[in-house]
Amino acid sequence: MSWRVNLEAERLRARLEQGDPLWPAQLTVAAAIALNLTLADRVTVGPTWLLPSVEGALLAALVIIAPSRAATHARGIRRFALGVIGLVSVANIVSLGLLVHYLVNGGKVGGHALILSGVVLWGTNVLLFSVWYWEMDRGGPVVRFLDPKALPDFQFPQMENPGLAPPGWRPGFVDYLYVSLTNATAFSPTDTMPLTQTAKLVMGVQSVAALVTVGLVVARAVNILGG
């Protein structure tokens, strides 16, 4: 009996290795952490290097303990991964709140640095939400691969018209990155529509954050150029 269990586990592990690669999402989170190092001191909690260092260490630990897709199938590992993404996202939200405060009430002191920080935060917004969409749709990349018939959170054009894609097409990480980019630039869905309440709420949060960031940064830039 034990050899059958081991055989099934090996088959599952081998099958999982055929799914979405992990490195695009890991690289995206690493890029978001690196971008935080360029933020102005006024929009970070503590020294600029502190939170990115902690986040980078946690991400490195995740890569070490879960180097393969099969390893991320464990519930504890997935929770840890979501925790790392959540920590980086919370840090981004706090920095955005501080940026809003200083752009509205900070006068012209450090205006150029704050504008640059706004651009950085908009970029990290795109990167982080792409990872959230990738992790959210149909329960995440592993569940999505094991159960392709699971109800989707997002409706991609290829799903509406199978003739636009090869048989068995599944969205990859770049598809979710594109969804995040268009949502942050158009402030609304474009070609890919959210289907579930969770997807709609998350896309709404991203749109509002992007709109606030772009609106205040543009207003501050006009103020500096006009002053």
C-alpha atoms as a PDB file:
ATOM      1  CA  MET A   1       0.000   0.000   0.000  1.00  0.00           C
ATOM      2  CA  SER A   2       2.780   2.424   0.888  1.00  0.00           C
ATOM      3  CA  TRP A   3       4.471   1.954  -2.481  1.00  0.00           C
ATOM      4  CA  ARG A   4       1.216   2.861  -4.218  1.00  0.00           C
ATOM      5  CA  VAL A   5       0.946   6.042  -2.178  1.00  0.00           C
ATOM      6  CA  ASN A   6       4.538   6.910  -3.006  1.00  0.00           C
ATOM      7  CA  LEU A   7       3.911   6.196  -6.683  1.00  0.00           C
ATOM      8  CA  GLU A   8       0.865   8.464  -6.742  1.00  0.00           C
ATOM      9  CA  ALA A   9       2.839  11.182  -4.978  1.00  0.00           C
ATOM     10  CA  GLU A  10       5.614  10.905  -7.560  1.00  0.00           C
ATOM     11  CA  ARG A  11       3.103  11.082 -10.394  1.00  0.00           C
ATOM     12  CA  LEU A  12       1.500  14.174  -8.874  1.00  0.00           C
ATOM     13  CA  ARG A  13       4.903  15.780  -8.376  1.00  0.00           C
ATOM     14  CA  ALA A  14       5.883  15.052 -11.976  1.00  0.00           C
ATOM     15  CA  ARG A  15       2.587  16.431 -13.242  1.00  0.00           C
ATOM     16  CA  LEU A  16       2.926  19.619 -11.208  1.00  0.00           C
ATOM     17  CA  GLU A  17       6.330  20.287 -12.734  1.00  0.00           C
ATOM     18  CA  GLN A  18       4.577  20.694 -16.089  1.00  0.00           C
ATOM     19  CA  GLY A  19       2.528  23.652 -14.816  1.00  0.00           C
ATOM     20  CA  ASP A  20       3.245  27.369 -14.631  1.00  0.00           C
ATOM     21  CA  PRO A  21       6.884  28.165 -13.770  1.00  0.00           C
ATOM     22  CA  LEU A  22       7.437  29.969 -10.483  1.00  0.00           C
ATOM     23  CA  TRP A  23      10.309  32.217 -11.485  1.00  0.00           C
ATOM     24  CA  PRO A  24       8.249  34.954 -13.251  1.00  0.00           C
ATOM     25  CA  ALA A  25       6.227  35.608 -10.093  1.00  0.00           C
ATOM     26  CA  GLN A  26       9.294  35.352  -7.860  1.00  0.00           C
ATOM     27  CA  LEU A  27      11.215  37.752 -10.099  1.00  0.00           C
ATOM     28  CA  THR A  28       8.276  40.166 -10.106  1.00  0.00           C
ATOM     29  CA  VAL A  29       8.103  40.256  -6.307  1.00  0.00           C
ATOM     30  CA  ALA A  30      11.880  40.731  -6.169  1.00  0.00           C
ATOM     31  CA  ALA A  31      11.588  43.651  -8.612  1.00  0.00           C
ATOM     32  CA  ALA A  32       8.881  45.251  -6.455  1.00  0.00           C
ATOM     33  CA  ILE A  33      11.107  44.904  -3.387  1.00  0.00           C
ATOM     34  CA  ALA A  34      14.051  46.430  -5.269  1.00  0.00           C
ATOM     35  CA  LEU A  35      11.924  49.363  -6.427  1.00  0.00           C
ATOM     36  CA  ASN A  36      11.052  50.136  -2.810  1.00  0.00           C
ATOM     37  CA  LEU A  37      14.733  50.846  -2.190  1.00  0.00           C
ATOM     38  CA  THR A  38      14.429  53.891  -4.468  1.00  0.00           C
ATOM     39  CA  LEU A  39      11.617  55.522  -2.497  1.00  0.00           C
ATOM     40  CA  ALA A  40      12.176  58.826  -0.734  1.00  0.00           C
ATOM     41  CA  ASP A  41      12.863  58.492   3.001  1.00  0.00           C
ATOM     42  CA  ARG A  42       9.706  60.458   3.788  1.00  0.00           C
ATOM     43  CA  VAL A  43       7.413  57.784   2.342  1.00  0.00           C
ATOM     44  CA  THR A  44       8.955  54.755   4.051  1.00  0.00           C
ATOM     45  CA  VAL A  45       8.556  53.329   7.537  1.00  0.00           C
ATOM     46  CA  GLY A  46      11.982  53.454   9.173  1.00  0.00           C
ATOM     47  CA  PRO A  47      15.178  53.444   7.082  1.00  0.00           C
ATOM     48  CA  THR A  48      14.609  52.951   3.355  1.00  0.00           C
ATOM     49  CA  TRP A  49      16.530  49.668   3.400  1.00  0.00           C
ATOM     50  CA  LEU A  50      14.813  48.087   6.425  1.00  0.00           C
ATOM     51  CA  LEU A  51      11.554  46.669   5.051  1.00  0.00           C
ATOM     52  CA  PRO A  52      13.015  45.689   1.649  1.00  0.00           C
ATOM     53  CA  SER A  53      15.770  43.789   3.475  1.00  0.00           C
ATOM     54  CA  VAL A  54      13.242  41.848   5.557  1.00  0.00           C
ATOM     55  CA  GLU A  55      11.052  41.201   2.513  1.00  0.00           C
ATOM     56  CA  GLY A  56      14.047  40.092   0.451  1.00  0.00           C
ATOM     57  CA  ALA A  57      15.167  37.691   3.174  1.00  0.00           C
ATOM     58  CA  LEU A  58      11.678  36.159   3.375  1.00  0.00           C
ATOM     59  CA  LEU A  59      11.494  35.820  -0.404  1.00  0.00           C
ATOM     60  CA  ALA A  60      14.912  34.148  -0.477  1.00  0.00           C
ATOM     61  CA  ALA A  61      13.778  31.754   2.260  1.00  0.00           C
ATOM     62  CA  LEU A  62      10.665  30.920   0.233  1.00  0.00           C
ATOM     63  CA  VAL A  63      12.732  30.169  -2.874  1.00  0.00           C
ATOM     64  CA  ILE A  64      15.006  27.894  -0.829  1.00  0.00           C
ATOM     65  CA  ILE A  65      12.283  25.909   0.954  1.00  0.00           C
ATOM     66  CA  ALA A  66       9.995  25.715  -2.094  1.00  0.00           C
ATOM     67  CA  PRO A  67      12.209  25.542  -5.188  1.00  0.00           C
ATOM     68  CA  SER A  68       9.631  23.686  -7.294  1.00  0.00           C
ATOM     69  CA  ARG A  69       5.938  23.862  -8.136  1.00  0.00           C
ATOM     70  CA  ALA A  70       5.334  20.596  -6.293  1.00  0.00           C
ATOM     71  CA  ALA A  71       6.673  22.118  -3.069  1.00  0.00           C
ATOM     72  CA  THR A  72       4.315  25.103  -3.308  1.00  0.00           C
ATOM     73  CA  HIS A  73       1.349  22.700  -3.345  1.00  0.00           C
ATOM     74  CA  ALA A  74       1.744  22.288   0.437  1.00  0.00           C
ATOM     75  CA  ARG A  75      -0.765  24.433   2.307  1.00  0.00           C
ATOM     76  CA  GLY A  76       1.791  25.878   4.719  1.00  0.00           C
ATOM     77  CA  ILE A  77       4.147  26.862   1.901  1.00  0.00           C
ATOM     78  CA  ARG A  78       1.335  28.573  -0.002  1.00  0.00           C
ATOM     79  CA  ARG A  79       0.327  30.534   3.078  1.00  0.00           C
ATOM     80  CA  PHE A  80       3.922  31.604   3.595  1.00  0.00           C
ATOM     81  CA  ALA A  81       4.141  32.707  -0.047  1.00  0.00           C
ATOM     82  CA  LEU A  82       0.933  34.714   0.239  1.00  0.00           C
ATOM     83  CA  GLY A  83       2.265  36.222   3.462  1.00  0.00           C
ATOM     84  CA  VAL A  84       5.409  37.449   1.702  1.00  0.00           C
ATOM     85  CA  ILE A  85       3.344  38.990  -1.097  1.00  0.00           C
ATOM     86  CA  GLY A  86       1.009  40.490   1.491  1.00  0.00           C
ATOM     87  CA  LEU A  87       3.871  42.054   3.453  1.00  0.00           C
ATOM     88  CA  VAL A  88       5.272  43.733   0.336  1.00  0.00           C
ATOM     89  CA  SER A  89       1.762  44.907  -0.592  1.00  0.00           C
ATOM     90  CA  VAL A  90       1.085  46.372   2.861  1.00  0.00           C
ATOM     91  CA  ALA A  91       4.414  48.216   2.755  1.00  0.00           C
ATOM     92  CA  ASN A  92       3.405  49.612  -0.634  1.00  0.00           C
ATOM     93  CA  ILE A  93       0.026  50.760   0.713  1.00  0.00           C
ATOM     94  CA  VAL A  94       1.650  52.466   3.711  1.00  0.00           C
ATOM     95  CA  SER A  95       4.116  54.235   1.419  1.00  0.00           C
ATOM     96  CA  LEU A  96       1.244  55.334  -0.807  1.00  0.00           C
ATOM     97  CA  GLY A  97      -0.570  56.760   2.219  1.00  0.00           C
ATOM     98  CA  LEU A  98       2.534  58.694   3.271  1.00  0.00           C
ATOM     99  CA  LEU A  99       3.001  59.905  -0.300  1.00  0.00           C
ATOM    100  CA  VAL A 100      -0.575  61.206  -0.420  1.00  0.00           C
ATOM    101  CA  HIS A 101      -0.034  63.009   2.886  1.00  0.00           C
ATOM    102  CA  TYR A 102       3.142  64.755   1.765  1.00  0.00           C
ATOM    103  CA  LEU A 103       1.880  65.569  -1.719  1.00  0.00           C
ATOM    104  CA  VAL A 104      -1.203  67.217  -0.243  1.00  0.00           C
ATOM    105  CA  ASN A 105       0.362  68.861   2.820  1.00  0.00           C
ATOM    106  CA  GLY A 106       4.101  68.879   2.254  1.00  0.00           C
ATOM    107  CA  GLY A 107       4.524  72.130   0.344  1.00  0.00           C
ATOM    108  CA  LYS A 108       7.262  72.150  -2.283  1.00  0.00           C
ATOM    109  CA  VAL A 109       9.958  70.586  -0.139  1.00  0.00           C
ATOM    110  CA  GLY A 110      11.301  67.470  -1.844  1.00  0.00           C
ATOM    111  CA  GLY A 111       8.682  67.739  -4.574  1.00  0.00           C
ATOM    112  CA  HIS A 112      10.746  66.078  -7.281  1.00  0.00           C
ATOM    113  CA  ALA A 113      11.670  63.158  -5.001  1.00  0.00           C
ATOM    114  CA  LEU A 114       8.008  62.670  -4.083  1.00  0.00           C
ATOM    115  CA  ILE A 115       6.994  62.645  -7.748  1.00  0.00           C
ATOM    116  CA  LEU A 116       9.628  59.994  -8.462  1.00  0.00           C
ATOM    117  CA  SER A 117       8.335  57.992  -5.490  1.00  0.00           C
ATOM    118  CA  GLY A 118       4.842  58.214  -6.959  1.00  0.00           C
ATOM    119  CA  VAL A 119       6.056  56.744 -10.241  1.00  0.00           C
ATOM    120  CA  VAL A 120       7.830  53.955  -8.335  1.00  0.00           C
ATOM    121  CA  LEU A 121       4.715  53.167  -6.298  1.00  0.00           C
ATOM    122  CA  TRP A 122       2.598  53.042  -9.451  1.00  0.00           C
ATOM    123  CA  GLY A 123       5.090  50.568 -10.927  1.00  0.00           C
ATOM    124  CA  THR A 124       5.081  48.373  -7.831  1.00  0.00           C
ATOM    125  CA  ASN A 125       1.285  48.525  -7.897  1.00  0.00           C
ATOM    126  CA  VAL A 126       1.340  46.931 -11.361  1.00  0.00           C
ATOM    127  CA  LEU A 127       3.874  44.276 -10.350  1.00  0.00           C
ATOM    128  CA  LEU A 128       2.254  43.243  -7.069  1.00  0.00           C
ATOM    129  CA  PHE A 129      -1.307  43.069  -8.351  1.00  0.00           C
ATOM    130  CA  SER A 130      -0.182  40.895 -11.258  1.00  0.00           C
ATOM    131  CA  VAL A 131       1.077  38.379  -8.685  1.00  0.00           C
ATOM    132  CA  TRP A 132      -2.181  38.615  -6.731  1.00  0.00           C
ATOM    133  CA  TYR A 133      -4.208  37.930  -9.883  1.00  0.00           C
ATOM    134  CA  TRP A 134      -1.946  34.990 -10.729  1.00  0.00           C
ATOM    135  CA  GLU A 135      -2.372  33.573  -7.218  1.00  0.00           C
ATOM    136  CA  MET A 136      -6.108  34.270  -7.056  1.00  0.00           C
ATOM    137  CA  ASP A 137      -7.502  32.961 -10.332  1.00  0.00           C
ATOM    138  CA  ARG A 138      -9.125  29.524  -9.780  1.00  0.00           C
ATOM    139  CA  GLY A 139      -7.300  29.086  -6.479  1.00  0.00           C
ATOM    140  CA  GLY A 140      -3.774  29.693  -7.732  1.00  0.00           C
ATOM    141  CA  PRO A 141      -1.431  28.241 -10.356  1.00  0.00           C
ATOM    142  CA  VAL A 142      -1.288  24.736  -8.883  1.00  0.00           C
ATOM    143  CA  VAL A 143      -5.046  24.264  -8.485  1.00  0.00           C
ATOM    144  CA  ARG A 144      -5.585  25.915 -11.861  1.00  0.00           C
ATOM    145  CA  PHE A 145      -3.309  23.345 -13.489  1.00  0.00           C
ATOM    146  CA  LEU A 146      -4.737  20.323 -11.668  1.00  0.00           C
ATOM    147  CA  ASP A 147      -8.369  21.320 -12.240  1.00  0.00           C
ATOM    148  CA  PRO A 148      -8.677  23.266 -15.517  1.00  0.00           C
ATOM    149  CA  LYS A 149     -12.487  23.080 -15.284  1.00  0.00           C
ATOM    150  CA  ALA A 150     -12.592  25.047 -12.023  1.00  0.00           C
ATOM    151  CA  LEU A 151     -14.687  28.207 -12.237  1.00  0.00           C
ATOM    152  CA  PRO A 152     -12.451  31.115 -13.301  1.00  0.00           C
ATOM    153  CA  ASP A 153     -12.110  34.475 -11.578  1.00  0.00           C
ATOM    154  CA  PHE A 154     -11.173  36.166 -14.864  1.00  0.00           C
ATOM    155  CA  GLN A 155     -12.602  35.815 -18.366  1.00  0.00           C
ATOM    156  CA  PHE A 156      -9.793  36.032 -20.923  1.00  0.00           C
ATOM    157  CA  PRO A 157     -10.576  36.558 -24.641  1.00  0.00           C
ATOM    158  CA  GLN A 158      -9.103  33.131 -25.471  1.00  0.00           C
ATOM    159  CA  MET A 159     -11.686  31.538 -23.166  1.00  0.00           C
ATOM    160  CA  GLU A 160     -14.569  33.220 -25.001  1.00  0.00           C
ATOM    161  CA  ASN A 161     -13.237  32.305 -28.436  1.00  0.00           C
ATOM    162  CA  PRO A 162     -11.147  29.097 -28.366  1.00  0.00           C
ATOM    163  CA  GLY A 163     -10.192  29.734 -31.989  1.00  0.00           C
ATOM    164  CA  LEU A 164      -7.849  32.491 -30.795  1.00  0.00           C
ATOM    165  CA  ALA A 165      -5.569  30.077 -28.932  1.00  0.00           C
ATOM    166  CA  PRO A 166      -4.169  26.530 -29.183  1.00  0.00           C
ATOM    167  CA  PRO A 167      -6.196  23.669 -27.647  1.00  0.00           C
ATOM    168  CA  GLY A 168      -5.814  23.475 -23.882  1.00  0.00           C
ATOM    169  CA  TRP A 169      -4.734  27.112 -23.580  1.00  0.00           C
ATOM    170  CA  ARG A 170      -4.275  28.393 -20.024  1.00  0.00           C
ATOM    171  CA  PRO A 171      -3.382  31.941 -18.940  1.00  0.00           C
ATOM    172  CA  GLY A 172       0.255  32.350 -17.938  1.00  0.00           C
ATOM    173  CA  PHE A 173       1.888  34.902 -15.695  1.00  0.00           C
ATOM    174  CA  VAL A 174       2.369  37.416 -18.525  1.00  0.00           C
ATOM    175  CA  ASP A 175      -1.401  37.400 -19.084  1.00  0.00           C
ATOM    176  CA  TYR A 176      -1.989  38.439 -15.469  1.00  0.00           C
ATOM    177  CA  LEU A 177       0.771  41.048 -15.708  1.00  0.00           C
ATOM    178  CA  TYR A 178      -0.998  42.519 -18.729  1.00  0.00           C
ATOM    179  CA  VAL A 179      -4.324  42.558 -16.857  1.00  0.00           C
ATOM    180  CA  SER A 180      -2.657  44.447 -14.013  1.00  0.00           C
ATOM    181  CA  LEU A 181      -0.954  46.920 -16.363  1.00  0.00           C
ATOM    182  CA  THR A 182      -4.116  47.755 -18.294  1.00  0.00           C
ATOM    183  CA  ASN A 183      -6.162  48.043 -15.105  1.00  0.00           C
ATOM    184  CA  ALA A 184      -3.629  50.491 -13.644  1.00  0.00           C
ATOM    185  CA  THR A 185      -3.542  52.612 -16.803  1.00  0.00           C
ATOM    186  CA  ALA A 186      -7.213  52.549 -17.844  1.00  0.00           C
ATOM    187  CA  PHE A 187      -8.467  52.449 -14.207  1.00  0.00           C
ATOM    188  CA  SER A 188     -10.896  49.721 -15.311  1.00  0.00           C
ATOM    189  CA  PRO A 189     -10.834  46.266 -16.934  1.00  0.00           C
ATOM    190  CA  THR A 190     -10.089  46.182 -20.657  1.00  0.00           C
ATOM    191  CA  ASP A 191     -10.098  42.890 -22.588  1.00  0.00           C
ATOM    192  CA  THR A 192     -10.171  40.616 -19.515  1.00  0.00           C
ATOM    193  CA  MET A 193     -13.194  40.840 -17.237  1.00  0.00           C
ATOM    194  CA  PRO A 194     -13.421  39.956 -13.519  1.00  0.00           C
ATOM    195  CA  LEU A 195     -16.111  37.366 -12.864  1.00  0.00           C
ATOM    196  CA  THR A 196     -16.106  36.842  -9.098  1.00  0.00           C
ATOM    197  CA  GLN A 197     -16.736  39.354  -6.331  1.00  0.00           C
ATOM    198  CA  THR A 198     -13.191  38.900  -5.043  1.00  0.00           C
ATOM    199  CA  ALA A 199     -11.692  39.647  -8.447  1.00  0.00           C
ATOM    200  CA  LYS A 200     -13.885  42.729  -8.828  1.00  0.00           C
ATOM    201  CA  LEU A 201     -12.919  44.030  -5.383  1.00  0.00           C
ATOM    202  CA  VAL A 202      -9.190  43.489  -5.941  1.00  0.00           C
ATOM    203  CA  MET A 203      -9.288  45.136  -9.368  1.00  0.00           C
ATOM    204  CA  GLY A 204     -11.273  48.004  -7.870  1.00  0.00           C
ATOM    205  CA  VAL A 205      -8.682  48.525  -5.143  1.00  0.00           C
ATOM    206  CA  GLN A 206      -5.897  48.568  -7.722  1.00  0.00           C
ATOM    207  CA  SER A 207      -7.762  51.051  -9.923  1.00  0.00           C
ATOM    208  CA  VAL A 208      -8.375  53.428  -7.022  1.00  0.00           C
ATOM    209  CA  ALA A 209      -4.746  53.210  -5.858  1.00  0.00           C
ATOM    210  CA  ALA A 210      -3.469  53.858  -9.384  1.00  0.00           C
ATOM    211  CA  LEU A 211      -5.908  56.732  -9.928  1.00  0.00           C
ATOM    212  CA  VAL A 212      -4.926  58.423  -6.661  1.00  0.00           C
ATOM    213  CA  THR A 213      -1.228  57.992  -7.404  1.00  0.00           C
ATOM    214  CA  VAL A 214      -1.401  59.292 -10.972  1.00  0.00           C
ATOM    215  CA  GLY A 215      -3.786  62.129 -10.104  1.00  0.00           C
ATOM    216  CA  LEU A 216      -1.719  63.473  -7.232  1.00  0.00           C
ATOM    217  CA  VAL A 217       1.617  63.043  -9.004  1.00  0.00           C
ATOM    218  CA  VAL A 218       0.372  64.903 -12.087  1.00  0.00           C
ATOM    219  CA  ALA A 219      -1.152  67.650  -9.945  1.00  0.00           C
ATOM    220  CA  ARG A 220       2.078  68.045  -7.985  1.00  0.00           C
ATOM    221  CA  ALA A 221       4.154  68.101 -11.169  1.00  0.00           C
ATOM    222  CA  VAL A 222       1.953  70.855 -12.632  1.00  0.00           C
ATOM    223  CA  ASN A 223       2.228  72.769  -9.359  1.00  0.00           C
ATOM    224  CA  ILE A 224       6.032  72.564  -9.371  1.00  0.00           C
ATOM    225  CA  LEU A 225       6.337  73.500 -13.042  1.00  0.00           C
ATOM    226  CA  GLY A 226       3.874  76.353 -12.636  1.00  0.00           C
ATOM    227  CA  GLY A 227       5.474  77.640  -9.441  1.00  0.00           C
END
